[in-house]
Structure formats: structure tokens, C-alpha cells
Amino acid sequence: MSDKKEPSPGDGIRSLKTSNVFRIINFELYTKPNLTIMGIGLVALTGCLGYIAYMRQKYEKLGFYGAIKDDGSEEFLKKNSKWD
């Protein structure tokens, strides 16, 4: 049929005999890493986390604090003094 070379150490999962269904379901195991897409994703993730940190710092600077409700959700409330 086909002349496949003998698997050598370090070939990983690509050298194992698997079905086409397994290869389709686990596509990411058989593709090579794409550094361009990985870089774009890393920049996007860093931007999202930076924006969340910026917005949280902005609300805290305005005098808000994060309060956890009984149902587990978070709500930003304005700080009130007991002396008012």
C-alpha cells in the first residue's frame, strides 16, 4: 500500500495509526503551530485583559467598589460614609 517510514522518538502522536474520525475530531493534534495566528491571539488576549484592568481601576478611582450579591454576581456600588 504505502511505504511509511518507521516512527522515531520525538515523532509524537503523528506517528501512531489512527482513524480518520479521530484525526478530524482532534485536528489540533495533527497541525503544525502557526506563529502568526498565535501572536495575533496573544495580542488580543493581552488587550482584553488590559482593558478589563483599566476599567476596574477607573471605577475604583471614582469611588466604586465591587460587591458580591447573594446569587454570586458582582455589582459596583458607590462608597457611602456612615456619617452622611
N, C-alpha and C. Protein backbone atom coordinates (compact mmCIF):
# COMPACT_ATOMS: atom_id res chain seq x y z
N MET A 1 0.82 -1.18 0.00
CA MET A 1 0.00 0.00 0.00
C MET A 1 0.87 1.25 0.00
N SER A 2 1.22 1.75 1.19
CA SER A 2 2.07 2.94 1.25
C SER A 2 3.33 2.59 2.04
N ASP A 3 4.42 3.18 1.65
CA ASP A 3 5.69 2.94 2.32
C ASP A 3 5.92 4.03 3.36
N LYS A 4 5.42 3.79 4.57
CA LYS A 4 5.63 4.76 5.65
C LYS A 4 6.92 4.40 6.35
N LYS A 5 7.67 5.43 6.74
CA LYS A 5 8.91 5.18 7.47
C LYS A 5 8.59 4.77 8.90
N GLU A 6 9.52 4.11 9.50
CA GLU A 6 9.38 3.65 10.89
C GLU A 6 9.38 4.87 11.81
N PRO A 7 8.44 4.94 12.76
CA PRO A 7 8.43 6.10 13.68
C PRO A 7 9.68 6.14 14.53
N SER A 8 10.19 7.34 14.71
CA SER A 8 11.37 7.52 15.54
C SER A 8 10.98 8.31 16.79
N PRO A 9 11.79 8.26 17.82
CA PRO A 9 11.48 9.01 19.03
C PRO A 9 11.33 10.50 18.73
N GLY A 10 10.30 11.11 19.30
CA GLY A 10 10.06 12.53 19.08
C GLY A 10 9.03 12.81 18.02
N ASP A 11 8.54 11.78 17.31
CA ASP A 11 7.53 12.00 16.28
C ASP A 11 6.17 12.31 16.89
N GLY A 12 5.93 11.86 18.10
CA GLY A 12 4.70 12.17 18.79
C GLY A 12 3.51 11.41 18.26
N ILE A 13 2.34 12.01 18.40
CA ILE A 13 1.09 11.32 18.05
C ILE A 13 0.91 11.17 16.55
N ARG A 14 1.62 11.96 15.75
CA ARG A 14 1.50 11.85 14.30
C ARG A 14 1.96 10.50 13.78
N SER A 15 2.81 9.82 14.52
CA SER A 15 3.35 8.55 14.06
C SER A 15 2.43 7.37 14.38
N LEU A 16 1.42 7.55 15.21
CA LEU A 16 0.52 6.46 15.59
C LEU A 16 -0.51 6.20 14.49
N LYS A 17 -0.95 4.94 14.41
CA LYS A 17 -2.03 4.61 13.48
C LYS A 17 -3.35 5.01 14.12
N THR A 18 -4.07 5.90 13.47
CA THR A 18 -5.36 6.35 13.99
C THR A 18 -6.37 6.37 12.85
N SER A 19 -7.64 6.45 13.21
CA SER A 19 -8.68 6.53 12.20
C SER A 19 -8.85 7.97 11.73
N ASN A 20 -9.50 8.13 10.59
CA ASN A 20 -9.75 9.47 10.06
C ASN A 20 -10.70 10.25 10.96
N VAL A 21 -11.63 9.56 11.61
CA VAL A 21 -12.56 10.23 12.53
C VAL A 21 -11.78 10.84 13.69
N PHE A 22 -10.83 10.11 14.25
CA PHE A 22 -10.01 10.64 15.34
C PHE A 22 -9.21 11.85 14.87
N ARG A 23 -8.69 11.79 13.65
CA ARG A 23 -7.91 12.92 13.12
C ARG A 23 -8.78 14.15 12.89
N ILE A 24 -10.04 13.95 12.48
CA ILE A 24 -10.93 15.09 12.26
C ILE A 24 -11.35 15.71 13.60
N ILE A 25 -11.69 14.87 14.56
CA ILE A 25 -12.14 15.37 15.86
C ILE A 25 -11.00 16.07 16.59
N ASN A 26 -9.80 15.55 16.52
CA ASN A 26 -8.63 16.11 17.21
C ASN A 26 -7.69 16.77 16.21
N PHE A 27 -8.24 17.69 15.43
CA PHE A 27 -7.49 18.35 14.36
C PHE A 27 -6.23 19.06 14.86
N GLU A 28 -6.33 19.69 16.05
CA GLU A 28 -5.20 20.47 16.56
C GLU A 28 -3.98 19.61 16.91
N LEU A 29 -4.16 18.30 17.06
CA LEU A 29 -3.03 17.43 17.38
C LEU A 29 -2.16 17.15 16.15
N TYR A 30 -2.72 17.33 14.96
CA TYR A 30 -2.02 16.95 13.74
C TYR A 30 -1.56 18.13 12.91
N THR A 31 -1.83 19.34 13.32
CA THR A 31 -1.38 20.51 12.57
C THR A 31 -0.16 21.11 13.24
N LYS A 32 0.62 21.79 12.45
CA LYS A 32 1.80 22.46 12.98
C LYS A 32 1.38 23.82 13.53
N PRO A 33 2.05 24.31 14.57
CA PRO A 33 1.68 25.61 15.15
C PRO A 33 1.88 26.74 14.16
N ASN A 34 0.95 27.66 14.12
CA ASN A 34 1.03 28.83 13.27
C ASN A 34 1.38 30.02 14.16
N LEU A 35 2.62 30.49 14.06
CA LEU A 35 3.10 31.54 14.95
C LEU A 35 2.40 32.86 14.71
N THR A 36 1.98 33.14 13.48
CA THR A 36 1.29 34.40 13.19
C THR A 36 -0.06 34.45 13.91
N ILE A 37 -0.84 33.40 13.78
CA ILE A 37 -2.15 33.34 14.43
C ILE A 37 -1.99 33.34 15.95
N MET A 38 -0.98 32.63 16.44
CA MET A 38 -0.74 32.59 17.88
C MET A 38 -0.37 33.99 18.39
N GLY A 39 0.42 34.73 17.64
CA GLY A 39 0.79 36.09 18.03
C GLY A 39 -0.41 37.02 18.05
N ILE A 40 -1.27 36.91 17.04
CA ILE A 40 -2.48 37.74 17.00
C ILE A 40 -3.38 37.42 18.18
N GLY A 41 -3.54 36.15 18.51
CA GLY A 41 -4.36 35.76 19.64
C GLY A 41 -3.79 36.25 20.96
N LEU A 42 -2.48 36.20 21.08
CA LEU A 42 -1.82 36.67 22.30
C LEU A 42 -2.01 38.17 22.48
N VAL A 43 -1.88 38.92 21.39
CA VAL A 43 -2.10 40.37 21.45
C VAL A 43 -3.55 40.68 21.81
N ALA A 44 -4.50 39.95 21.21
CA ALA A 44 -5.92 40.17 21.50
C ALA A 44 -6.24 39.85 22.96
N LEU A 45 -5.72 38.74 23.47
CA LEU A 45 -5.97 38.37 24.86
C LEU A 45 -5.35 39.39 25.82
N THR A 46 -4.15 39.84 25.53
CA THR A 46 -3.49 40.84 26.36
C THR A 46 -4.27 42.15 26.34
N GLY A 47 -4.78 42.53 25.17
CA GLY A 47 -5.58 43.75 25.06
C GLY A 47 -6.86 43.66 25.87
N CYS A 48 -7.54 42.52 25.82
CA CYS A 48 -8.77 42.34 26.59
C CYS A 48 -8.51 42.40 28.09
N LEU A 49 -7.47 41.71 28.55
CA LEU A 49 -7.15 41.74 29.98
C LEU A 49 -6.72 43.14 30.44
N GLY A 50 -5.99 43.84 29.59
CA GLY A 50 -5.59 45.21 29.90
C GLY A 50 -6.79 46.13 30.00
N TYR A 51 -7.77 45.97 29.10
CA TYR A 51 -8.98 46.79 29.13
C TYR A 51 -9.80 46.52 30.39
N ILE A 52 -9.92 45.26 30.77
CA ILE A 52 -10.65 44.91 31.99
C ILE A 52 -9.96 45.52 33.21
N ALA A 53 -8.64 45.43 33.27
CA ALA A 53 -7.90 46.01 34.39
C ALA A 53 -8.05 47.53 34.41
N TYR A 54 -8.04 48.16 33.24
CA TYR A 54 -8.20 49.62 33.15
C TYR A 54 -9.58 50.04 33.64
N MET A 55 -10.62 49.33 33.20
CA MET A 55 -11.98 49.70 33.61
C MET A 55 -12.17 49.48 35.11
N ARG A 56 -11.60 48.43 35.66
CA ARG A 56 -11.72 48.17 37.10
C ARG A 56 -11.03 49.28 37.90
N GLN A 57 -9.84 49.67 37.46
CA GLN A 57 -9.09 50.72 38.13
C GLN A 57 -9.84 52.04 38.02
N LYS A 58 -10.46 52.29 36.88
CA LYS A 58 -11.20 53.53 36.67
C LYS A 58 -12.38 53.62 37.63
N TYR A 59 -13.15 52.53 37.78
CA TYR A 59 -14.29 52.54 38.70
C TYR A 59 -13.84 52.69 40.14
N GLU A 60 -12.75 52.05 40.52
CA GLU A 60 -12.26 52.17 41.90
C GLU A 60 -11.78 53.59 42.18
N LYS A 61 -11.21 54.25 41.19
CA LYS A 61 -10.74 55.62 41.35
C LYS A 61 -11.92 56.58 41.53
N LEU A 62 -13.06 56.28 40.91
CA LEU A 62 -14.25 57.11 41.05
C LEU A 62 -14.98 56.87 42.37
N GLY A 63 -14.55 55.91 43.17
CA GLY A 63 -15.16 55.67 44.47
C GLY A 63 -16.12 54.50 44.48
N PHE A 64 -16.04 53.63 43.50
CA PHE A 64 -16.88 52.44 43.47
C PHE A 64 -16.10 51.25 44.00
N TYR A 65 -16.81 50.25 44.45
CA TYR A 65 -16.17 49.01 44.89
C TYR A 65 -17.00 47.84 44.41
N GLY A 66 -16.36 46.70 44.23
CA GLY A 66 -17.05 45.51 43.76
C GLY A 66 -17.70 44.78 44.90
N ALA A 67 -19.02 44.65 44.87
CA ALA A 67 -19.76 43.94 45.91
C ALA A 67 -20.33 42.66 45.32
N ILE A 68 -20.22 41.59 46.05
CA ILE A 68 -20.75 40.30 45.61
C ILE A 68 -22.17 40.14 46.15
N LYS A 69 -23.12 39.89 45.27
CA LYS A 69 -24.51 39.69 45.67
C LYS A 69 -24.70 38.28 46.21
N ASP A 70 -25.92 38.01 46.71
CA ASP A 70 -26.24 36.68 47.23
C ASP A 70 -26.20 35.60 46.16
N ASP A 71 -26.52 35.97 44.91
CA ASP A 71 -26.54 34.97 43.83
C ASP A 71 -25.16 34.75 43.21
N GLY A 72 -24.13 35.47 43.69
CA GLY A 72 -22.77 35.26 43.22
C GLY A 72 -22.31 36.25 42.17
N SER A 73 -23.18 37.12 41.68
CA SER A 73 -22.78 38.10 40.68
C SER A 73 -22.14 39.30 41.37
N GLU A 74 -21.37 40.05 40.60
CA GLU A 74 -20.66 41.20 41.14
C GLU A 74 -21.34 42.48 40.68
N GLU A 75 -21.43 43.44 41.57
CA GLU A 75 -22.05 44.72 41.27
C GLU A 75 -21.16 45.82 41.82
N PHE A 76 -20.98 46.91 41.06
CA PHE A 76 -20.18 48.03 41.53
C PHE A 76 -21.11 49.03 42.22
N LEU A 77 -20.81 49.30 43.48
CA LEU A 77 -21.61 50.23 44.28
C LEU A 77 -20.75 51.42 44.69
N LYS A 78 -21.39 52.58 44.82
CA LYS A 78 -20.69 53.77 45.26
C LYS A 78 -20.42 53.67 46.76
N LYS A 79 -19.22 54.04 47.18
CA LYS A 79 -18.87 54.01 48.59
C LYS A 79 -19.67 55.08 49.34
N ASN A 80 -20.29 54.69 50.42
CA ASN A 80 -21.07 55.60 51.25
C ASN A 80 -20.43 55.68 52.63
N SER A 81 -20.49 56.90 53.20
CA SER A 81 -19.98 57.09 54.55
C SER A 81 -21.11 56.90 55.55
N LYS A 82 -20.79 56.33 56.67
CA LYS A 82 -21.80 56.16 57.71
C LYS A 82 -22.16 57.51 58.35
N TRP A 83 -21.35 58.52 58.11
CA TRP A 83 -21.55 59.83 58.72
C TRP A 83 -22.46 60.73 57.89
N ASP A 84 -22.86 60.28 56.70
CA ASP A 84 -23.74 61.10 55.84
C ASP A 84 -25.16 61.05 56.28
